Amino acid sequence: MIKIIRKNILTITGAIAGIFYWKFIGCSTGKGYIQSNPVKMTLYGTLLGGLSFNIFQSEIRQQ
């Protein structure tokens, strides 16, 4: 379990950041497609966190 968390720490951080972004900054009028829905915003944050994790992993492997 700890290995999974260590391996995907940026993905988890992205999901948490997506939740906080929706809660404190998100679209209050409900017209924003991603920002007005907490599930979509969490998935978007998870996607960005996972992509950034993969970028950093490939840089570490090349060195």
PDB file of N, CA and C in Angstrom:
ATOM      1  N   MET A   1       0.829  -1.205   0.000  1.00  0.00           N
ATOM      2  CA  MET A   1       0.000   0.000   0.000  1.00  0.00           C
ATOM      3  C   MET A   1       0.862   1.253   0.000  1.00  0.00           C
ATOM      4  N   ILE A   2       1.915   1.251   0.790  1.00  0.00           N
ATOM      5  CA  ILE A   2       2.804   2.418   0.855  1.00  0.00           C
ATOM      6  C   ILE A   2       3.512   2.623  -0.491  1.00  0.00           C
ATOM      7  N   LYS A   3       3.900   1.531  -1.153  1.00  0.00           N
ATOM      8  CA  LYS A   3       4.561   1.658  -2.454  1.00  0.00           C
ATOM      9  C   LYS A   3       3.638   2.295  -3.485  1.00  0.00           C
ATOM     10  N   ILE A   4       2.367   1.944  -3.445  1.00  0.00           N
ATOM     11  CA  ILE A   4       1.397   2.523  -4.382  1.00  0.00           C
ATOM     12  C   ILE A   4       1.252   4.018  -4.127  1.00  0.00           C
ATOM     13  N   ILE A   5       1.186   4.398  -2.872  1.00  0.00           N
ATOM     14  CA  ILE A   5       1.049   5.816  -2.536  1.00  0.00           C
ATOM     15  C   ILE A   5       2.297   6.582  -2.942  1.00  0.00           C
ATOM     16  N   ARG A   6       3.468   6.036  -2.679  1.00  0.00           N
ATOM     17  CA  ARG A   6       4.710   6.708  -3.072  1.00  0.00           C
ATOM     18  C   ARG A   6       4.826   6.837  -4.583  1.00  0.00           C
ATOM     19  N   LYS A   7       4.398   5.797  -5.290  1.00  0.00           N
ATOM     20  CA  LYS A   7       4.510   5.801  -6.744  1.00  0.00           C
ATOM     21  C   LYS A   7       3.556   6.809  -7.380  1.00  0.00           C
ATOM     22  N   ASN A   8       2.403   7.025  -6.779  1.00  0.00           N
ATOM     23  CA  ASN A   8       1.378   7.893  -7.366  1.00  0.00           C
ATOM     24  C   ASN A   8       1.107   9.135  -6.526  1.00  0.00           C
ATOM     25  N   ILE A   9       2.100   9.641  -5.851  1.00  0.00           N
ATOM     26  CA  ILE A   9       1.893  10.781  -4.946  1.00  0.00           C
ATOM     27  C   ILE A   9       1.440  12.033  -5.714  1.00  0.00           C
ATOM     28  N   LEU A  10       1.968  12.267  -6.908  1.00  0.00           N
ATOM     29  CA  LEU A  10       1.534  13.447  -7.663  1.00  0.00           C
ATOM     30  C   LEU A  10       0.125  13.274  -8.212  1.00  0.00           C
ATOM     31  N   THR A  11      -0.263  12.045  -8.508  1.00  0.00           N
ATOM     32  CA  THR A  11      -1.626  11.800  -8.969  1.00  0.00           C
ATOM     33  C   THR A  11      -2.614  12.070  -7.841  1.00  0.00           C
ATOM     34  N   ILE A  12      -2.286  11.597  -6.650  1.00  0.00           N
ATOM     35  CA  ILE A  12      -3.140  11.835  -5.482  1.00  0.00           C
ATOM     36  C   ILE A  12      -3.180  13.320  -5.159  1.00  0.00           C
ATOM     37  N   THR A  13      -2.033  13.973  -5.244  1.00  0.00           N
ATOM     38  CA  THR A  13      -1.976  15.417  -4.988  1.00  0.00           C
ATOM     39  C   THR A  13      -2.815  16.183  -6.009  1.00  0.00           C
ATOM     40  N   GLY A  14      -2.778  15.754  -7.261  1.00  0.00           N
ATOM     41  CA  GLY A  14      -3.593  16.392  -8.299  1.00  0.00           C
ATOM     42  C   GLY A  14      -5.079  16.256  -8.020  1.00  0.00           C
ATOM     43  N   ALA A  15      -5.504  15.083  -7.541  1.00  0.00           N
ATOM     44  CA  ALA A  15      -6.917  14.884  -7.205  1.00  0.00           C
ATOM     45  C   ALA A  15      -7.335  15.793  -6.060  1.00  0.00           C
ATOM     46  N   ILE A  16      -6.506  15.885  -5.051  1.00  0.00           N
ATOM     47  CA  ILE A  16      -6.808  16.761  -3.908  1.00  0.00           C
ATOM     48  C   ILE A  16      -6.833  18.222  -4.352  1.00  0.00           C
ATOM     49  N   ALA A  17      -5.887  18.595  -5.204  1.00  0.00           N
ATOM     50  CA  ALA A  17      -5.870  19.972  -5.718  1.00  0.00           C
ATOM     51  C   ALA A  17      -7.114  20.265  -6.547  1.00  0.00           C
ATOM     52  N   GLY A  18      -7.594  19.282  -7.300  1.00  0.00           N
ATOM     53  CA  GLY A  18      -8.815  19.463  -8.075  1.00  0.00           C
ATOM     54  C   GLY A  18     -10.023  19.700  -7.187  1.00  0.00           C
ATOM     55  N   ILE A  19     -10.090  18.970  -6.081  1.00  0.00           N
ATOM     56  CA  ILE A  19     -11.190  19.166  -5.129  1.00  0.00           C
ATOM     57  C   ILE A  19     -11.134  20.562  -4.528  1.00  0.00           C
ATOM     58  N   PHE A  20      -9.937  20.975  -4.099  1.00  0.00           N
ATOM     59  CA  PHE A  20      -9.803  22.299  -3.508  1.00  0.00           C
ATOM     60  C   PHE A  20     -10.069  23.407  -4.526  1.00  0.00           C
ATOM     61  N   TYR A  21      -9.639  23.188  -5.764  1.00  0.00           N
ATOM     62  CA  TYR A  21      -9.907  24.190  -6.796  1.00  0.00           C
ATOM     63  C   TYR A  21     -11.409  24.348  -7.006  1.00  0.00           C
ATOM     64  N   TRP A  22     -12.126  23.235  -7.079  1.00  0.00           N
ATOM     65  CA  TRP A  22     -13.581  23.305  -7.247  1.00  0.00           C
ATOM     66  C   TRP A  22     -14.228  24.000  -6.056  1.00  0.00           C
ATOM     67  N   LYS A  23     -13.771  23.674  -4.859  1.00  0.00           N
ATOM     68  CA  LYS A  23     -14.387  24.199  -3.636  1.00  0.00           C
ATOM     69  C   LYS A  23     -14.180  25.709  -3.492  1.00  0.00           C
ATOM     70  N   PHE A  24     -12.955  26.181  -3.751  1.00  0.00           N
ATOM     71  CA  PHE A  24     -12.645  27.569  -3.442  1.00  0.00           C
ATOM     72  C   PHE A  24     -12.604  28.497  -4.657  1.00  0.00           C
ATOM     73  N   ILE A  25     -12.340  27.994  -5.841  1.00  0.00           N
ATOM     74  CA  ILE A  25     -12.188  28.856  -7.005  1.00  0.00           C
ATOM     75  C   ILE A  25     -13.212  28.551  -8.081  1.00  0.00           C
ATOM     76  N   GLY A  26     -13.744  27.350  -8.124  1.00  0.00           N
ATOM     77  CA  GLY A  26     -14.607  26.868  -9.209  1.00  0.00           C
ATOM     78  C   GLY A  26     -15.712  27.815  -9.622  1.00  0.00           C
ATOM     79  N   CYS A  27     -16.350  27.492 -10.708  1.00  0.00           N
ATOM     80  CA  CYS A  27     -17.389  28.320 -11.309  1.00  0.00           C
ATOM     81  C   CYS A  27     -18.643  28.332 -10.424  1.00  0.00           C
ATOM     82  N   SER A  28     -19.008  29.488  -9.937  1.00  0.00           N
ATOM     83  CA  SER A  28     -20.161  29.583  -9.043  1.00  0.00           C
ATOM     84  C   SER A  28     -21.488  29.707  -9.794  1.00  0.00           C
ATOM     85  N   THR A  29     -21.443  30.071 -11.073  1.00  0.00           N
ATOM     86  CA  THR A  29     -22.683  30.229 -11.833  1.00  0.00           C
ATOM     87  C   THR A  29     -23.191  28.907 -12.390  1.00  0.00           C
ATOM     88  N   GLY A  30     -22.334  27.893 -12.456  1.00  0.00           N
ATOM     89  CA  GLY A  30     -22.736  26.597 -12.979  1.00  0.00           C
ATOM     90  C   GLY A  30     -22.619  26.481 -14.488  1.00  0.00           C
ATOM     91  N   LYS A  31     -22.058  27.486 -15.137  1.00  0.00           N
ATOM     92  CA  LYS A  31     -21.931  27.452 -16.591  1.00  0.00           C
ATOM     93  C   LYS A  31     -20.594  26.880 -17.045  1.00  0.00           C
ATOM     94  N   GLY A  32     -19.635  26.810 -16.167  1.00  0.00           N
ATOM     95  CA  GLY A  32     -18.337  26.225 -16.522  1.00  0.00           C
ATOM     96  C   GLY A  32     -18.457  24.712 -16.604  1.00  0.00           C
ATOM     97  N   TYR A  33     -18.031  24.132 -17.709  1.00  0.00           N
ATOM     98  CA  TYR A  33     -18.219  22.696 -17.929  1.00  0.00           C
ATOM     99  C   TYR A  33     -17.430  21.857 -16.921  1.00  0.00           C
ATOM    100  N   ILE A  34     -16.178  22.187 -16.705  1.00  0.00           N
ATOM    101  CA  ILE A  34     -15.350  21.402 -15.793  1.00  0.00           C
ATOM    102  C   ILE A  34     -15.413  21.961 -14.382  1.00  0.00           C
ATOM    103  N   GLN A  35     -15.316  23.252 -14.232  1.00  0.00           N
ATOM    104  CA  GLN A  35     -15.173  23.866 -12.917  1.00  0.00           C
ATOM    105  C   GLN A  35     -16.439  23.838 -12.082  1.00  0.00           C
ATOM    106  N   SER A  36     -17.593  23.619 -12.665  1.00  0.00           N
ATOM    107  CA  SER A  36     -18.823  23.640 -11.874  1.00  0.00           C
ATOM    108  C   SER A  36     -19.174  22.271 -11.304  1.00  0.00           C
ATOM    109  N   ASN A  37     -18.506  21.226 -11.735  1.00  0.00           N
ATOM    110  CA  ASN A  37     -18.810  19.871 -11.303  1.00  0.00           C
ATOM    111  C   ASN A  37     -17.623  19.316 -10.503  1.00  0.00           C
ATOM    112  N   PRO A  38     -17.840  18.904  -9.239  1.00  0.00           N
ATOM    113  CA  PRO A  38     -16.707  18.435  -8.427  1.00  0.00           C
ATOM    114  C   PRO A  38     -16.072  17.151  -8.953  1.00  0.00           C
ATOM    115  N   VAL A  39     -16.855  16.268  -9.534  1.00  0.00           N
ATOM    116  CA  VAL A  39     -16.289  15.011 -10.047  1.00  0.00           C
ATOM    117  C   VAL A  39     -15.384  15.285 -11.243  1.00  0.00           C
ATOM    118  N   LYS A  40     -15.849  16.118 -12.158  1.00  0.00           N
ATOM    119  CA  LYS A  40     -15.045  16.439 -13.334  1.00  0.00           C
ATOM    120  C   LYS A  40     -13.774  17.184 -12.948  1.00  0.00           C
ATOM    121  N   MET A  41     -13.878  18.075 -11.988  1.00  0.00           N
ATOM    122  CA  MET A  41     -12.703  18.827 -11.562  1.00  0.00           C
ATOM    123  C   MET A  41     -11.699  17.915 -10.870  1.00  0.00           C
ATOM    124  N   THR A  42     -12.176  16.948 -10.095  1.00  0.00           N
ATOM    125  CA  THR A  42     -11.280  16.003  -9.435  1.00  0.00           C
ATOM    126  C   THR A  42     -10.588  15.118 -10.469  1.00  0.00           C
ATOM    127  N   LEU A  43     -11.333  14.651 -11.457  1.00  0.00           N
ATOM    128  CA  LEU A  43     -10.733  13.839 -12.510  1.00  0.00           C
ATOM    129  C   LEU A  43      -9.717  14.633 -13.328  1.00  0.00           C
ATOM    130  N   TYR A  44     -10.008  15.891 -13.579  1.00  0.00           N
ATOM    131  CA  TYR A  44      -9.086  16.754 -14.309  1.00  0.00           C
ATOM    132  C   TYR A  44      -7.798  16.949 -13.508  1.00  0.00           C
ATOM    133  N   GLY A  45      -7.921  17.196 -12.215  1.00  0.00           N
ATOM    134  CA  GLY A  45      -6.737  17.325 -11.359  1.00  0.00           C
ATOM    135  C   GLY A  45      -5.939  16.040 -11.296  1.00  0.00           C
ATOM    136  N   THR A  46      -6.636  14.901 -11.248  1.00  0.00           N
ATOM    137  CA  THR A  46      -5.961  13.605 -11.238  1.00  0.00           C
ATOM    138  C   THR A  46      -5.196  13.391 -12.541  1.00  0.00           C
ATOM    139  N   LEU A  47      -5.811  13.739 -13.652  1.00  0.00           N
ATOM    140  CA  LEU A  47      -5.156  13.608 -14.951  1.00  0.00           C
ATOM    141  C   LEU A  47      -3.892  14.460 -15.017  1.00  0.00           C
ATOM    142  N   LEU A  48      -3.990  15.708 -14.599  1.00  0.00           N
ATOM    143  CA  LEU A  48      -2.820  16.586 -14.637  1.00  0.00           C
ATOM    144  C   LEU A  48      -1.726  16.110 -13.684  1.00  0.00           C
ATOM    145  N   GLY A  49      -2.122  15.625 -12.508  1.00  0.00           N
ATOM    146  CA  GLY A  49      -1.137  15.088 -11.567  1.00  0.00           C
ATOM    147  C   GLY A  49      -0.455  13.851 -12.116  1.00  0.00           C
ATOM    148  N   GLY A  50      -1.220  12.963 -12.746  1.00  0.00           N
ATOM    149  CA  GLY A  50      -0.643  11.758 -13.329  1.00  0.00           C
ATOM    150  C   GLY A  50       0.294  12.068 -14.479  1.00  0.00           C
ATOM    151  N   LEU A  51      -0.093  13.020 -15.321  1.00  0.00           N
ATOM    152  CA  LEU A  51       0.780  13.398 -16.430  1.00  0.00           C
ATOM    153  C   LEU A  51       2.078  14.029 -15.935  1.00  0.00           C
ATOM    154  N   SER A  52       1.986  14.881 -14.933  1.00  0.00           N
ATOM    155  CA  SER A  52       3.205  15.482 -14.399  1.00  0.00           C
ATOM    156  C   SER A  52       4.087  14.422 -13.732  1.00  0.00           C
ATOM    157  N   PHE A  53       3.473  13.422 -13.108  1.00  0.00           N
ATOM    158  CA  PHE A  53       4.242  12.324 -12.518  1.00  0.00           C
ATOM    159  C   PHE A  53       5.013  11.581 -13.600  1.00  0.00           C
ATOM    160  N   ASN A  54       4.369  11.292 -14.723  1.00  0.00           N
ATOM    161  CA  ASN A  54       5.038  10.577 -15.804  1.00  0.00           C
ATOM    162  C   ASN A  54       6.170  11.393 -16.416  1.00  0.00           C
ATOM    163  N   ILE A  55       6.003  12.695 -16.492  1.00  0.00           N
ATOM    164  CA  ILE A  55       7.064  13.545 -17.026  1.00  0.00           C
ATOM    165  C   ILE A  55       8.274  13.490 -16.105  1.00  0.00           C
ATOM    166  N   PHE A  56       8.058  13.615 -14.793  1.00  0.00           N
ATOM    167  CA  PHE A  56       9.172  13.590 -13.853  1.00  0.00           C
ATOM    168  C   PHE A  56       9.832  12.216 -13.798  1.00  0.00           C
ATOM    169  N   GLN A  57       9.058  11.158 -13.940  1.00  0.00           N
ATOM    170  CA  GLN A  57       9.638   9.814 -13.915  1.00  0.00           C
ATOM    171  C   GLN A  57      10.544   9.601 -15.118  1.00  0.00           C
ATOM    172  N   SER A  58      10.144  10.058 -16.293  1.00  0.00           N
ATOM    173  CA  SER A  58      10.984   9.862 -17.473  1.00  0.00           C
ATOM    174  C   SER A  58      12.268  10.672 -17.370  1.00  0.00           C
ATOM    175  N   GLU A  59      12.233  11.841 -16.735  1.00  0.00           N
ATOM    176  CA  GLU A  59      13.457  12.628 -16.541  1.00  0.00           C
ATOM    177  C   GLU A  59      14.398  11.936 -15.571  1.00  0.00           C
ATOM    178  N   ILE A  60      13.858  11.317 -14.536  1.00  0.00           N
ATOM    179  CA  ILE A  60      14.688  10.627 -13.563  1.00  0.00           C
ATOM    180  C   ILE A  60      15.346   9.406 -14.207  1.00  0.00           C
ATOM    181  N   ARG A  61      14.615   8.671 -15.031  1.00  0.00           N
ATOM    182  CA  ARG A  61      15.160   7.476 -15.679  1.00  0.00           C
ATOM    183  C   ARG A  61      16.272   7.818 -16.664  1.00  0.00           C
ATOM    184  N   GLN A  62      16.215   8.968 -17.303  1.00  0.00           N
ATOM    185  CA  GLN A  62      17.213   9.332 -18.289  1.00  0.00           C
ATOM    186  C   GLN A  62      18.540   9.710 -17.661  1.00  0.00           C
ATOM    187  N   GLN A  63      18.565  10.146 -16.432  1.00  0.00           N
ATOM    188  CA  GLN A  63      19.805  10.593 -15.781  1.00  0.00           C
ATOM    189  C   GLN A  63      20.610   9.470 -15.293  1.00  0.00           C
TER     190      GLN A  63
END
